[in-house]
Amino acid sequence: MGILEVKNINKRFGGLQALGDVNLDVQEGSCHAIIGPNGAGKSTLLNVLVGKLIPDTGTVMFENKPVLGRKPHEINQMGISRVFQTPEIFGDLTVMENMVIPILARRDGSFALHAISQLRNEKSLNEEAEQMLAEVNMLEKRNMQASSLSRGDKRRLEMAMCLVQQPRLLLLDEPTAGMARADTNNTIDLLKEIKEKRNITMAIIEHDMHVVFSLADRITVLAQGTPLVEDTPENIKGHPKVREAYLGEAQV
């Protein structure tokens, strides 16, 4: 039994079946990758997991508690955080000010921007924010405006904002999209370090197979909304069904 259990998820949009009998069992402490061609249903599945979509049928359990029917902020409070394909940060605020928002949200459930004023007056906020920024190698940039950061640093800031909420499951939606190879490799190293240091379970959607094979313990391959195969990275690489899904014909 995994920390995240997805059973018989089906979702249709009109005549299109986006997900068909999807099952997923993510083991605690692992990194589980979900891959597949464009239109395979990866983003639809992720939106189901974070409460943005309600499936037609099926169940989702996190730590033996039902996920479906909860609002996104309630799912976040359960211990599930999401890193978006495009970094979700407040560009007109400083790096430190961005960090205060999730800390306050974790403490009292409020995302009120006016509460940022507490940053100047509460020592514990400063200390927690700086500790988290140091963990992702962003402390020296704490006073920079977030909009001026590079793509890689915006991703690091977003991860820090997720991690400071103390999640037990981190959902990553193409975390290296739009990055140069150097930033991609730095992100891989950061995720490895986070996983080892915090023992956080990860589920990742990613097109870059270099990222997938560098991080994943298990891989589920989707095609046209239906799971083709789930296996270890070593067995996935040469699997004929996977090659057929990506290349359009079986390889021998």
Protein backbone atom coordinates (compact mmCIF):
# COMPACT_ATOMS: atom_id res chain seq x y z
CA MET A 1 0.00 0.00 0.00
CA GLY A 2 1.48 3.31 -1.12
CA ILE A 3 1.31 6.79 0.34
CA LEU A 4 -0.75 7.76 -2.75
CA GLU A 5 -3.23 5.31 -4.25
CA VAL A 6 -5.11 6.07 -7.46
CA LYS A 7 -7.73 3.51 -8.44
CA ASN A 8 -9.80 3.20 -11.63
CA ILE A 9 -9.77 6.90 -12.50
CA ASN A 10 -11.83 7.77 -15.58
CA LYS A 11 -12.36 11.24 -17.01
CA ARG A 12 -14.13 12.28 -20.21
CA PHE A 13 -14.39 15.67 -21.85
CA GLY A 14 -17.39 15.31 -24.12
CA GLY A 15 -16.54 12.52 -26.54
CA LEU A 16 -12.87 12.43 -25.57
CA GLN A 17 -11.71 9.99 -22.93
CA ALA A 18 -8.81 11.76 -21.25
CA LEU A 19 -8.22 9.07 -18.61
CA GLY A 20 -9.26 5.45 -18.79
CA ASP A 21 -9.02 3.18 -15.74
CA VAL A 22 -5.83 4.76 -14.45
CA ASN A 23 -4.26 3.08 -11.43
CA LEU A 24 -1.22 4.39 -9.61
CA ASP A 25 0.51 3.27 -6.43
CA VAL A 26 3.20 5.70 -5.28
CA GLN A 27 5.40 4.28 -2.54
CA GLU A 28 6.47 6.47 0.37
CA GLY A 29 9.91 7.98 -0.10
CA SER A 30 10.04 7.18 -3.82
CA CYS A 31 10.06 9.28 -6.96
CA HIS A 32 7.36 8.05 -9.35
CA ALA A 33 7.45 9.45 -12.89
CA ILE A 34 4.41 9.67 -15.17
CA ILE A 35 5.40 9.91 -18.82
CA GLY A 36 3.77 9.68 -22.21
CA PRO A 37 3.30 11.51 -25.52
CA ASN A 38 1.44 14.82 -25.74
CA GLY A 39 -2.23 14.24 -25.08
CA ALA A 40 -1.59 11.09 -23.04
CA GLY A 41 -3.51 12.42 -20.03
CA LYS A 42 -0.61 13.34 -17.76
CA SER A 43 -1.77 16.88 -16.92
CA THR A 44 -5.37 15.72 -16.54
CA LEU A 45 -4.24 13.16 -13.97
CA LEU A 46 -2.19 15.75 -12.10
CA ASN A 47 -5.16 18.13 -12.01
CA VAL A 48 -7.26 15.33 -10.51
CA LEU A 49 -4.65 14.76 -7.80
CA VAL A 50 -4.61 18.43 -6.75
CA GLY A 51 -8.39 18.94 -6.80
CA LYS A 52 -8.66 21.04 -9.96
CA LEU A 53 -10.65 18.31 -11.75
CA ILE A 54 -13.19 15.79 -10.49
CA PRO A 55 -13.02 12.44 -12.30
CA ASP A 56 -16.12 10.67 -13.55
CA THR A 57 -15.27 7.54 -11.58
CA GLY A 58 -12.51 6.26 -9.33
CA THR A 59 -10.83 7.04 -6.02
CA VAL A 60 -7.69 8.81 -4.84
CA MET A 61 -6.33 8.15 -1.35
CA PHE A 62 -3.43 9.93 0.33
CA GLU A 63 -2.20 8.35 3.56
CA ASN A 64 -5.48 6.40 3.62
CA LYS A 65 -7.55 9.59 3.45
CA PRO A 66 -9.80 10.45 0.48
CA VAL A 67 -8.60 13.27 -1.77
CA LEU A 68 -11.47 13.61 -4.22
CA GLY A 69 -14.05 16.25 -3.37
CA ARG A 70 -11.59 18.40 -1.45
CA LYS A 71 -10.66 21.89 -2.60
CA PRO A 72 -7.08 22.56 -3.72
CA HIS A 73 -6.14 24.41 -0.51
CA GLU A 74 -7.54 21.53 1.56
CA ILE A 75 -5.43 19.05 -0.39
CA ASN A 76 -2.42 21.28 0.23
CA GLN A 77 -3.17 21.22 3.95
CA MET A 78 -3.24 17.40 3.81
CA GLY A 79 0.46 17.49 2.91
CA ILE A 80 0.42 17.58 -0.90
CA SER A 81 2.22 20.44 -2.66
CA ARG A 82 2.56 21.12 -6.39
CA VAL A 83 5.36 22.66 -8.41
CA PHE A 84 3.86 24.12 -11.59
CA GLN A 85 5.31 23.99 -15.10
CA THR A 86 5.61 27.78 -15.01
CA PRO A 87 6.94 28.89 -11.60
CA GLU A 88 4.12 30.29 -9.44
CA ILE A 89 5.71 33.16 -7.56
CA PHE A 90 4.88 36.79 -6.78
CA GLY A 91 7.09 38.68 -9.20
CA ASP A 92 6.59 42.11 -7.65
CA LEU A 93 7.75 40.92 -4.21
CA THR A 94 11.23 40.14 -2.98
CA VAL A 95 12.44 36.58 -2.54
CA MET A 96 12.04 36.87 1.25
CA GLU A 97 8.55 38.31 0.95
CA ASN A 98 7.58 35.39 -1.28
CA MET A 99 8.76 33.01 1.43
CA VAL A 100 6.63 34.61 4.15
CA ILE A 101 3.34 33.88 2.36
CA PRO A 102 3.44 30.04 2.56
CA ILE A 103 4.81 30.17 6.12
CA LEU A 104 1.85 32.26 7.25
CA ALA A 105 -0.54 30.11 5.23
CA ARG A 106 0.76 27.00 7.01
CA ARG A 107 0.35 28.65 10.39
CA ASP A 108 -3.10 30.17 10.05
CA GLY A 109 -4.41 29.29 6.58
CA SER A 110 -4.17 32.91 5.35
CA PHE A 111 -2.53 34.01 2.11
CA ALA A 112 -3.29 37.69 2.84
CA LEU A 113 -0.54 39.77 1.27
CA HIS A 114 -0.83 42.45 3.93
CA ALA A 115 0.51 39.90 6.42
CA ILE A 116 3.93 40.25 4.80
CA SER A 117 4.45 43.22 7.09
CA GLN A 118 5.05 40.67 9.85
CA LEU A 119 8.34 39.86 8.15
CA ARG A 120 9.97 42.91 9.70
CA ASN A 121 8.65 42.22 13.19
CA GLU A 122 8.71 38.48 13.76
CA LYS A 123 12.11 36.91 14.21
CA SER A 124 10.88 33.32 13.73
CA LEU A 125 9.54 34.19 10.27
CA ASN A 126 12.91 35.55 9.21
CA GLU A 127 14.76 32.54 10.58
CA GLU A 128 12.49 29.95 8.97
CA ALA A 129 12.48 31.73 5.62
CA GLU A 130 16.26 32.15 5.58
CA GLN A 131 16.83 28.53 6.62
CA MET A 132 14.72 27.28 3.72
CA LEU A 133 16.36 29.66 1.25
CA ALA A 134 19.77 28.42 2.38
CA GLU A 135 18.67 24.84 1.74
CA VAL A 136 17.95 25.65 -1.92
CA ASN A 137 21.02 27.90 -2.30
CA MET A 138 19.00 31.12 -2.60
CA LEU A 139 19.86 32.91 0.63
CA GLU A 140 22.21 35.41 -0.99
CA LYS A 141 19.34 36.50 -3.28
CA ARG A 142 16.78 37.05 -0.50
CA ASN A 143 16.44 40.79 -1.16
CA MET A 144 16.13 40.53 -4.94
CA GLN A 145 12.82 41.14 -6.66
CA ALA A 146 11.45 37.77 -7.73
CA SER A 147 10.69 38.87 -11.29
CA SER A 148 14.39 39.58 -11.88
CA LEU A 149 15.46 35.99 -11.13
CA SER A 150 16.57 33.54 -13.79
CA ARG A 151 14.24 30.67 -14.74
CA GLY A 152 16.30 28.28 -12.67
CA ASP A 153 16.25 30.54 -9.61
CA LYS A 154 12.50 31.12 -9.95
CA ARG A 155 12.11 27.35 -9.83
CA ARG A 156 14.30 27.14 -6.73
CA LEU A 157 12.22 29.84 -5.06
CA GLU A 158 8.98 28.05 -5.90
CA MET A 159 10.37 24.80 -4.49
CA ALA A 160 11.38 26.61 -1.31
CA MET A 161 7.85 28.01 -1.04
CA CYS A 162 6.46 24.48 -1.38
CA LEU A 163 8.93 22.85 1.00
CA VAL A 164 8.42 25.39 3.77
CA GLN A 165 4.82 24.10 3.96
CA GLN A 166 6.33 20.77 5.06
CA PRO A 167 4.66 18.54 2.46
CA ARG A 168 4.90 14.76 2.48
CA LEU A 169 4.15 14.48 -1.23
CA LEU A 170 5.56 16.84 -3.87
CA LEU A 171 3.91 16.84 -7.31
CA LEU A 172 6.19 18.23 -10.02
CA ASP A 173 4.75 19.33 -13.36
CA GLU A 174 7.68 19.46 -15.82
CA PRO A 175 9.97 21.23 -13.32
CA THR A 176 12.75 21.70 -15.89
CA ALA A 177 10.59 23.06 -18.74
CA GLY A 178 12.27 25.94 -20.57
CA MET A 179 15.59 25.52 -18.76
CA ALA A 180 19.06 25.42 -20.21
CA ARG A 181 20.89 22.13 -19.64
CA ALA A 182 22.99 23.58 -16.80
CA ASP A 183 19.87 24.72 -14.92
CA THR A 184 18.24 21.35 -15.63
CA ASN A 185 21.16 19.49 -14.10
CA ASN A 186 21.17 21.82 -11.10
CA THR A 187 17.46 21.16 -10.60
CA ILE A 188 18.04 17.41 -10.77
CA ASP A 189 20.75 17.70 -8.12
CA LEU A 190 18.48 19.85 -5.94
CA LEU A 191 15.60 17.37 -6.16
CA LYS A 192 17.90 14.47 -5.30
CA GLU A 193 19.17 16.37 -2.29
CA ILE A 194 15.66 17.31 -1.15
CA LYS A 195 14.41 13.74 -1.51
CA GLU A 196 17.32 12.31 0.46
CA LYS A 197 17.41 14.97 3.15
CA ARG A 198 13.66 15.29 3.76
CA ASN A 199 12.48 11.84 2.66
CA ILE A 200 9.74 13.51 0.60
CA THR A 201 7.75 11.36 -1.81
CA MET A 202 7.69 12.78 -5.34
CA ALA A 203 5.49 12.25 -8.38
CA ILE A 204 6.82 13.91 -11.52
CA ILE A 205 5.50 14.63 -15.00
CA GLU A 206 8.36 15.33 -17.36
CA HIS A 207 9.15 15.10 -21.09
CA ASP A 208 12.91 15.23 -20.63
CA MET A 209 13.97 11.59 -20.29
CA HIS A 210 17.33 12.67 -18.88
CA VAL A 211 15.41 14.10 -15.91
CA VAL A 212 13.11 11.08 -15.62
CA PHE A 213 15.87 8.49 -15.63
CA SER A 214 18.00 10.58 -13.25
CA LEU A 215 15.26 10.79 -10.60
CA ALA A 216 12.61 8.09 -10.94
CA ASP A 217 12.42 4.85 -8.97
CA ARG A 218 9.28 3.76 -10.87
CA ILE A 219 7.74 4.95 -14.13
CA THR A 220 4.16 4.76 -15.36
CA VAL A 221 3.69 5.23 -19.09
CA LEU A 222 0.38 6.66 -20.34
CA ALA A 223 -0.90 6.64 -23.92
CA GLN A 224 -4.28 8.11 -24.89
CA GLY A 225 -5.27 8.27 -21.23
CA THR A 226 -4.59 4.61 -20.54
CA PRO A 227 -1.65 3.11 -18.61
CA LEU A 228 0.56 1.02 -20.88
CA VAL A 229 3.11 -0.23 -18.42
CA GLU A 230 4.62 0.49 -15.00
CA ASP A 231 8.13 -0.64 -14.22
CA THR A 232 11.62 0.39 -13.15
CA PRO A 233 13.56 2.86 -15.34
CA GLU A 234 15.87 0.06 -16.48
CA ASN A 235 12.99 -2.05 -17.77
CA ILE A 236 11.09 0.90 -19.26
CA LYS A 237 13.90 2.01 -21.57
CA GLY A 238 13.59 -0.81 -24.07
CA HIS A 239 9.97 -1.83 -23.48
CA PRO A 240 8.23 -2.41 -26.84
CA LYS A 241 4.94 -0.84 -25.72
CA VAL A 242 6.78 2.30 -24.64
CA ARG A 243 8.63 2.53 -27.94
CA GLU A 244 5.35 2.06 -29.80
CA ALA A 245 3.66 4.84 -27.81
CA TYR A 246 6.46 7.30 -28.50
CA LEU A 247 7.47 6.28 -32.00
CA GLY A 248 4.13 5.13 -33.40
CA GLU A 249 5.19 1.60 -34.23
CA ALA A 250 6.52 -1.38 -32.37
CA GLN A 251 10.28 -1.86 -32.54
CA VAL A 252 11.92 -5.26 -32.69
